[in-house]
Structures are given as C-alpha cells and as structure tokens.
C-alpha cells in the first residue's frame, strides 16, 4: 500500500513540476494561449432581456455606456436561444502591462472595473429604468464596525462580486 501512495505522490509531483517549469507538449501550448488571451483586451458581456431595438434605440446606448466614450468598442447581438440581446464591451487600446493593471485595480482606476460597472448599470436601466443600489439608503449610520461591509459593497459595484 505504501508503494501505491508513494507512486501517486511521485506522479503528482511530476505533474506539478511540469506545469511550473512549462514542460514541452500540448499542455504548455495551451498555457501560452491562455496567457496571451489574458494580456489582450477582454470582452465583457451582459445579456439583457430586451430586443436589440430597445437596447440602443437610434444607435444611442444608455448613459453609463455612452459615458465611456470612444475608449471602448461596443457590440450588440442577439443572445443565444432567442433570450434577449447581448451587449459586449472591450477597451480599444488593447493589451496593458499586468503590473500597471494591478496597480490601477488597487487604486480603483482600472478601466475593466469601469466597464463592468457601466455594463451592470446599463442592464439595469434597460430592464427596469433605474439603477438599483444595494447600499442606499443605508439602514444604519456609518460606524467603524460596519465600515468593512460598506467598503465591500462599494468594491462589489466595480468588481461584480461580493
């Protein structure tokens, strides 16, 4: 039984070493493709439960998307299965250095965060005609105890997750 556990540990160790060292073969090619995609401009997509004519009437997008201006490329297409319309947005300027993107994310000035927030707000405007704020009106007054929750809610608007 010990030789079975030892053999499994050796195989797992070899797989980890190959992944870390970027060994030859199909796996490393896939890893390189994933890395190339990460550094390129990423499409952010939201599905809206409305026909395309109601998403951008007269070619005009809702204010959150229109506020991004010429810095982004926007595509509107039918959603799969006839379930509304997809709005796809990405930066026009292409790839950015990962270190710069990480610094911008920490300071709250990452363009991807602005795109996600604009997509979310545009979807809400198109579907309900108002932007819903999970943190407004506050049910309590600001205190040091509820500050972490307030900060997480504020960050969730840009990142899309809580």
C-alpha atoms as a PDB file:
ATOM      1  CA  UNK A   1       0.000   0.000   0.000  1.00  0.00           C
ATOM      2  CA  UNK A   2       2.898   2.358   0.734  1.00  0.00           C
ATOM      3  CA  UNK A   3       4.317   1.897  -2.757  1.00  0.00           C
ATOM      4  CA  UNK A   4       0.921   2.905  -4.221  1.00  0.00           C
ATOM      5  CA  UNK A   5       0.792   6.107  -2.188  1.00  0.00           C
ATOM      6  CA  UNK A   6       4.455   6.837  -2.992  1.00  0.00           C
ATOM      7  CA  UNK A   7       3.853   6.284  -6.713  1.00  0.00           C
ATOM      8  CA  UNK A   8       0.808   8.562  -6.700  1.00  0.00           C
ATOM      9  CA  UNK A   9       2.793  11.267  -4.886  1.00  0.00           C
ATOM     10  CA  UNK A  10       5.638  10.968  -7.415  1.00  0.00           C
ATOM     11  CA  UNK A  11       3.245  11.267 -10.370  1.00  0.00           C
ATOM     12  CA  UNK A  12       1.501  14.278  -8.797  1.00  0.00           C
ATOM     13  CA  UNK A  13       4.872  15.905  -8.063  1.00  0.00           C
ATOM     14  CA  UNK A  14       5.974  15.357 -11.645  1.00  0.00           C
ATOM     15  CA  UNK A  15       2.780  16.927 -12.970  1.00  0.00           C
ATOM     16  CA  UNK A  16       3.216  19.963 -10.733  1.00  0.00           C
ATOM     17  CA  UNK A  17       6.874  20.333 -11.748  1.00  0.00           C
ATOM     18  CA  UNK A  18       5.958  20.091 -15.426  1.00  0.00           C
ATOM     19  CA  UNK A  19       3.279  22.744 -15.030  1.00  0.00           C
ATOM     20  CA  UNK A  20       5.578  25.093 -13.121  1.00  0.00           C
ATOM     21  CA  UNK A  21       8.544  24.627 -15.421  1.00  0.00           C
ATOM     22  CA  UNK A  22       6.443  24.816 -18.591  1.00  0.00           C
ATOM     23  CA  UNK A  23       7.384  21.431 -19.958  1.00  0.00           C
ATOM     24  CA  UNK A  24       7.054  20.619 -23.636  1.00  0.00           C
ATOM     25  CA  UNK A  25       3.898  19.205 -25.091  1.00  0.00           C
ATOM     26  CA  UNK A  26       0.289  20.116 -25.562  1.00  0.00           C
ATOM     27  CA  UNK A  27      -0.183  21.425 -22.001  1.00  0.00           C
ATOM     28  CA  UNK A  28       2.414  24.176 -22.340  1.00  0.00           C
ATOM     29  CA  UNK A  29       0.930  25.333 -25.668  1.00  0.00           C
ATOM     30  CA  UNK A  30      -2.437  25.671 -24.010  1.00  0.00           C
ATOM     31  CA  UNK A  31      -0.889  27.598 -21.121  1.00  0.00           C
ATOM     32  CA  UNK A  32       0.761  30.015 -23.569  1.00  0.00           C
ATOM     33  CA  UNK A  33      -2.543  30.602 -25.363  1.00  0.00           C
ATOM     34  CA  UNK A  34      -4.260  31.340 -22.059  1.00  0.00           C
ATOM     35  CA  UNK A  35      -1.501  33.782 -21.083  1.00  0.00           C
ATOM     36  CA  UNK A  36      -1.753  35.539 -24.466  1.00  0.00           C
ATOM     37  CA  UNK A  37      -5.511  35.916 -24.019  1.00  0.00           C
ATOM     38  CA  UNK A  38      -5.092  37.339 -20.519  1.00  0.00           C
ATOM     39  CA  UNK A  39      -2.910  40.157 -21.740  1.00  0.00           C
ATOM     40  CA  UNK A  40      -5.208  41.128 -24.611  1.00  0.00           C
ATOM     41  CA  UNK A  41      -8.321  43.283 -24.409  1.00  0.00           C
ATOM     42  CA  UNK A  42     -11.066  41.219 -22.820  1.00  0.00           C
ATOM     43  CA  UNK A  43     -14.705  41.306 -23.897  1.00  0.00           C
ATOM     44  CA  UNK A  44     -17.169  41.909 -21.075  1.00  0.00           C
ATOM     45  CA  UNK A  45     -20.645  40.657 -21.988  1.00  0.00           C
ATOM     46  CA  UNK A  46     -24.052  41.158 -20.391  1.00  0.00           C
ATOM     47  CA  UNK A  47     -27.328  39.630 -21.553  1.00  0.00           C
ATOM     48  CA  UNK A  48     -30.295  41.992 -21.465  1.00  0.00           C
ATOM     49  CA  UNK A  49     -33.877  40.704 -21.530  1.00  0.00           C
ATOM     50  CA  UNK A  50     -34.950  43.127 -24.260  1.00  0.00           C
ATOM     51  CA  UNK A  51     -34.887  43.119 -28.081  1.00  0.00           C
ATOM     52  CA  UNK A  52     -31.965  44.870 -29.798  1.00  0.00           C
ATOM     53  CA  UNK A  53     -34.142  47.833 -30.797  1.00  0.00           C
ATOM     54  CA  UNK A  54     -34.800  48.647 -27.144  1.00  0.00           C
ATOM     55  CA  UNK A  55     -31.160  48.211 -26.082  1.00  0.00           C
ATOM     56  CA  UNK A  56     -29.800  51.006 -28.274  1.00  0.00           C
ATOM     57  CA  UNK A  57     -32.728  52.943 -29.763  1.00  0.00           C
ATOM     58  CA  UNK A  58     -31.462  55.091 -32.613  1.00  0.00           C
ATOM     59  CA  UNK A  59     -27.922  53.805 -32.036  1.00  0.00           C
ATOM     60  CA  UNK A  60     -27.718  55.518 -28.635  1.00  0.00           C
ATOM     61  CA  UNK A  61     -26.621  53.471 -25.661  1.00  0.00           C
ATOM     62  CA  UNK A  62     -27.684  54.180 -22.071  1.00  0.00           C
ATOM     63  CA  UNK A  63     -25.705  56.861 -20.236  1.00  0.00           C
ATOM     64  CA  UNK A  64     -23.315  54.537 -18.351  1.00  0.00           C
ATOM     65  CA  UNK A  65     -22.069  53.003 -21.627  1.00  0.00           C
ATOM     66  CA  UNK A  66     -22.202  56.275 -23.545  1.00  0.00           C
ATOM     67  CA  UNK A  67     -20.124  57.850 -20.767  1.00  0.00           C
ATOM     68  CA  UNK A  68     -17.214  55.549 -21.612  1.00  0.00           C
ATOM     69  CA  UNK A  69     -16.966  57.311 -24.982  1.00  0.00           C
ATOM     70  CA  UNK A  70     -14.546  56.251 -27.709  1.00  0.00           C
ATOM     71  CA  UNK A  71     -12.303  54.379 -25.272  1.00  0.00           C
ATOM     72  CA  UNK A  72     -14.423  51.241 -25.711  1.00  0.00           C
ATOM     73  CA  UNK A  73     -15.768  49.136 -28.542  1.00  0.00           C
ATOM     74  CA  UNK A  74     -19.409  48.049 -28.134  1.00  0.00           C
ATOM     75  CA  UNK A  75     -21.173  45.236 -29.985  1.00  0.00           C
ATOM     76  CA  UNK A  76     -24.863  44.362 -29.798  1.00  0.00           C
ATOM     77  CA  UNK A  77     -26.024  40.934 -30.973  1.00  0.00           C
ATOM     78  CA  UNK A  78     -28.924  38.548 -30.329  1.00  0.00           C
ATOM     79  CA  UNK A  79     -28.427  36.319 -27.309  1.00  0.00           C
ATOM     80  CA  UNK A  80     -28.290  32.549 -27.885  1.00  0.00           C
ATOM     81  CA  UNK A  81     -31.649  30.799 -27.864  1.00  0.00           C
ATOM     82  CA  UNK A  82     -33.600  34.000 -28.525  1.00  0.00           C
ATOM     83  CA  UNK A  83     -33.227  35.121 -24.916  1.00  0.00           C
ATOM     84  CA  UNK A  84     -32.787  38.833 -25.408  1.00  0.00           C
ATOM     85  CA  UNK A  85     -29.727  40.739 -26.532  1.00  0.00           C
ATOM     86  CA  UNK A  86     -26.046  40.558 -25.653  1.00  0.00           C
ATOM     87  CA  UNK A  87     -24.037  43.726 -25.118  1.00  0.00           C
ATOM     88  CA  UNK A  88     -20.282  43.161 -25.459  1.00  0.00           C
ATOM     89  CA  UNK A  89     -17.767  45.845 -24.449  1.00  0.00           C
ATOM     90  CA  UNK A  90     -13.955  45.948 -24.526  1.00  0.00           C
ATOM     91  CA  UNK A  91     -11.190  48.535 -24.460  1.00  0.00           C
ATOM     92  CA  UNK A  92      -9.977  49.778 -27.829  1.00  0.00           C
ATOM     93  CA  UNK A  93      -6.356  50.288 -26.831  1.00  0.00           C
ATOM     94  CA  UNK A  94      -5.631  46.564 -26.475  1.00  0.00           C
ATOM     95  CA  UNK A  95      -3.171  44.983 -24.070  1.00  0.00           C
ATOM     96  CA  UNK A  96      -1.842  46.557 -20.915  1.00  0.00           C
ATOM     97  CA  UNK A  97       1.021  45.549 -18.706  1.00  0.00           C
ATOM     98  CA  UNK A  98      -0.166  43.278 -15.861  1.00  0.00           C
ATOM     99  CA  UNK A  99       1.709  45.313 -13.227  1.00  0.00           C
ATOM    100  CA  UNK A 100       0.024  48.531 -14.354  1.00  0.00           C
ATOM    101  CA  UNK A 101      -3.390  46.823 -14.377  1.00  0.00           C
ATOM    102  CA  UNK A 102      -2.835  45.507 -10.842  1.00  0.00           C
ATOM    103  CA  UNK A 103      -1.842  48.958  -9.590  1.00  0.00           C
ATOM    104  CA  UNK A 104      -4.913  50.522 -11.196  1.00  0.00           C
ATOM    105  CA  UNK A 105      -7.178  47.868  -9.703  1.00  0.00           C
ATOM    106  CA  UNK A 106      -5.905  48.562  -6.190  1.00  0.00           C
ATOM    107  CA  UNK A 107      -6.440  52.308  -6.577  1.00  0.00           C
ATOM    108  CA  UNK A 108      -9.894  51.838  -8.129  1.00  0.00           C
ATOM    109  CA  UNK A 109      -8.991  53.271 -11.537  1.00  0.00           C
ATOM    110  CA  UNK A 110      -8.914  50.069 -13.580  1.00  0.00           C
ATOM    111  CA  UNK A 111     -10.751  50.528 -16.901  1.00  0.00           C
ATOM    112  CA  UNK A 112     -12.100  46.964 -16.668  1.00  0.00           C
ATOM    113  CA  UNK A 113     -13.827  47.913 -13.410  1.00  0.00           C
ATOM    114  CA  UNK A 114     -15.419  50.910 -15.123  1.00  0.00           C
ATOM    115  CA  UNK A 115     -16.604  48.697 -17.985  1.00  0.00           C
ATOM    116  CA  UNK A 116     -18.149  46.143 -15.608  1.00  0.00           C
ATOM    117  CA  UNK A 117     -19.912  48.858 -13.618  1.00  0.00           C
ATOM    118  CA  UNK A 118     -21.192  50.554 -16.801  1.00  0.00           C
ATOM    119  CA  UNK A 119     -22.490  47.242 -18.187  1.00  0.00           C
ATOM    120  CA  UNK A 120     -24.253  46.417 -14.938  1.00  0.00           C
ATOM    121  CA  UNK A 121     -25.854  49.857 -14.667  1.00  0.00           C
ATOM    122  CA  UNK A 122     -26.851  49.853 -18.365  1.00  0.00           C
ATOM    123  CA  UNK A 123     -28.513  46.454 -17.998  1.00  0.00           C
ATOM    124  CA  UNK A 124     -30.493  47.731 -15.018  1.00  0.00           C
ATOM    125  CA  UNK A 125     -31.524  50.905 -16.870  1.00  0.00           C
ATOM    126  CA  UNK A 126     -32.648  48.965 -19.936  1.00  0.00           C
ATOM    127  CA  UNK A 127     -34.606  46.341 -17.989  1.00  0.00           C
ATOM    128  CA  UNK A 128     -36.032  48.352 -15.072  1.00  0.00           C
ATOM    129  CA  UNK A 129     -35.449  52.035 -15.993  1.00  0.00           C
ATOM    130  CA  UNK A 130     -33.487  52.645 -12.793  1.00  0.00           C
ATOM    131  CA  UNK A 131     -30.136  51.727 -11.268  1.00  0.00           C
ATOM    132  CA  UNK A 132     -30.514  49.742  -8.085  1.00  0.00           C
ATOM    133  CA  UNK A 133     -28.039  50.483  -5.299  1.00  0.00           C
ATOM    134  CA  UNK A 134     -27.610  47.750  -2.696  1.00  0.00           C
ATOM    135  CA  UNK A 135     -26.112  50.162  -0.205  1.00  0.00           C
ATOM    136  CA  UNK A 136     -28.614  53.007  -0.472  1.00  0.00           C
ATOM    137  CA  UNK A 137     -30.471  54.129   1.537  1.00  0.00           C
ATOM    138  CA  UNK A 138     -28.334  52.862   4.374  1.00  0.00           C
ATOM    139  CA  UNK A 139     -30.216  51.248   7.216  1.00  0.00           C
ATOM    140  CA  UNK A 140     -27.720  52.387   9.817  1.00  0.00           C
ATOM    141  CA  UNK A 141     -25.410  55.280  10.350  1.00  0.00           C
ATOM    142  CA  UNK A 142     -21.744  54.879   9.372  1.00  0.00           C
ATOM    143  CA  UNK A 143     -19.699  53.454  12.228  1.00  0.00           C
ATOM    144  CA  UNK A 144     -16.270  51.851  12.483  1.00  0.00           C
ATOM    145  CA  UNK A 145     -17.963  48.466  12.995  1.00  0.00           C
ATOM    146  CA  UNK A 146     -19.882  48.495   9.686  1.00  0.00           C
ATOM    147  CA  UNK A 147     -17.053  50.097   7.652  1.00  0.00           C
ATOM    148  CA  UNK A 148     -15.794  46.732   6.252  1.00  0.00           C
ATOM    149  CA  UNK A 149     -19.274  45.971   4.898  1.00  0.00           C
ATOM    150  CA  UNK A 150     -19.554  49.436   3.334  1.00  0.00           C
ATOM    151  CA  UNK A 151     -16.147  49.025   1.678  1.00  0.00           C
ATOM    152  CA  UNK A 152     -17.012  45.537   0.360  1.00  0.00           C
ATOM    153  CA  UNK A 153     -20.288  46.801  -1.096  1.00  0.00           C
ATOM    154  CA  UNK A 154     -18.526  49.712  -2.784  1.00  0.00           C
ATOM    155  CA  UNK A 155     -15.845  47.402  -4.241  1.00  0.00           C
ATOM    156  CA  UNK A 156     -18.509  44.934  -5.388  1.00  0.00           C
ATOM    157  CA  UNK A 157     -20.009  47.558  -7.687  1.00  0.00           C
ATOM    158  CA  UNK A 158     -16.736  47.742  -9.626  1.00  0.00           C
ATOM    159  CA  UNK A 159     -15.620  44.119  -9.438  1.00  0.00           C
ATOM    160  CA  UNK A 160     -19.014  42.486  -9.802  1.00  0.00           C
ATOM    161  CA  UNK A 161     -18.614  40.155  -6.851  1.00  0.00           C
ATOM    162  CA  UNK A 162     -19.140  40.309  -3.119  1.00  0.00           C
END
